Amino acid sequence: MSDTAFAPSAIPTPIPLGQILPWAIFAGLLMLLAIYFVGAEEGATSLISGMYVHEFVHDGRHLLGFPCH
């Protein structure tokens, strides 16, 4: 038997917070926008006239437990 040791040639470096933070904020804003359109875009809180957005996200609304009827 031979004894071989694994020596990694590359050491992973952490990603600085300054590079992650803008993308995390952007993703958070997209999530808030998606939650608004799925959960609240109907009736009195509607920003877009008509029922097009409501019908587009209707099944997702029920899947996530938002009432709409």
Protein backbone atom coordinates (compact mmCIF):
# COMPACT_ATOMS: atom_id res chain seq x y z
CA MET A 1 0.00 0.00 0.00
CA SER A 2 1.11 3.48 -0.68
CA ASP A 3 0.26 6.46 1.45
CA THR A 4 -0.79 9.45 -0.58
CA ALA A 5 -1.88 12.71 0.90
CA PHE A 6 -4.20 15.11 -0.85
CA ALA A 7 -2.82 18.61 -0.89
CA PRO A 8 -5.20 21.14 -2.44
CA SER A 9 -3.46 23.52 -4.78
CA ALA A 10 -6.03 26.30 -4.55
CA ILE A 11 -7.35 27.74 -1.31
CA PRO A 12 -10.87 29.22 -1.55
CA THR A 13 -11.08 32.91 -0.77
CA PRO A 14 -14.14 34.51 0.78
CA ILE A 15 -16.21 36.91 -1.31
CA PRO A 16 -16.09 40.41 0.19
CA LEU A 17 -19.36 41.75 1.57
CA GLY A 18 -19.04 44.81 -0.67
CA GLN A 19 -19.49 42.58 -3.72
CA ILE A 20 -22.41 40.57 -2.32
CA LEU A 21 -24.44 43.41 -0.79
CA PRO A 22 -25.64 45.12 -4.02
CA TRP A 23 -26.81 41.78 -5.45
CA ALA A 24 -28.53 40.85 -2.19
CA ILE A 25 -30.38 44.18 -2.13
CA PHE A 26 -31.39 43.77 -5.78
CA ALA A 27 -32.65 40.21 -5.15
CA GLY A 28 -34.56 41.40 -2.08
CA LEU A 29 -36.28 44.15 -4.07
CA LEU A 30 -37.23 41.68 -6.80
CA MET A 31 -38.68 39.35 -4.17
CA LEU A 32 -40.72 42.18 -2.62
CA LEU A 33 -42.02 43.13 -6.06
CA ALA A 34 -42.96 39.52 -6.79
CA ILE A 35 -44.72 39.16 -3.44
CA TYR A 36 -46.67 42.36 -4.13
CA PHE A 37 -47.83 41.21 -7.55
CA VAL A 38 -48.76 37.72 -6.35
CA GLY A 39 -50.29 38.74 -3.03
CA ALA A 40 -51.76 42.22 -3.30
CA GLU A 41 -52.27 43.21 -6.93
CA GLU A 42 -56.05 43.18 -6.96
CA GLY A 43 -58.94 45.36 -5.93
CA ALA A 44 -58.26 48.54 -3.96
CA THR A 45 -54.48 48.01 -3.81
CA SER A 46 -54.12 47.55 -7.56
CA LEU A 47 -51.54 49.71 -9.33
CA ILE A 48 -52.35 48.35 -12.78
CA SER A 49 -55.90 48.69 -14.09
CA GLY A 50 -57.69 45.61 -15.35
CA MET A 51 -57.44 42.01 -14.29
CA TYR A 52 -54.49 40.96 -16.47
CA VAL A 53 -51.94 40.74 -13.65
CA HIS A 54 -54.44 39.03 -11.35
CA GLU A 55 -55.22 36.36 -13.93
CA PHE A 56 -51.52 35.88 -14.77
CA VAL A 57 -50.55 35.13 -11.14
CA HIS A 58 -53.87 33.53 -10.12
CA ASP A 59 -52.62 29.93 -9.72
CA GLY A 60 -49.45 31.06 -7.96
CA ARG A 61 -51.60 33.07 -5.57
CA HIS A 62 -53.55 29.98 -4.54
CA LEU A 63 -50.39 27.88 -4.37
CA LEU A 64 -48.84 30.34 -1.90
CA GLY A 65 -52.03 30.57 0.18
CA PHE A 66 -53.21 34.08 -0.73
CA PRO A 67 -57.00 34.37 -0.90
CA CYS A 68 -58.46 36.06 -3.96
CA HIS A 69 -62.12 35.05 -4.27
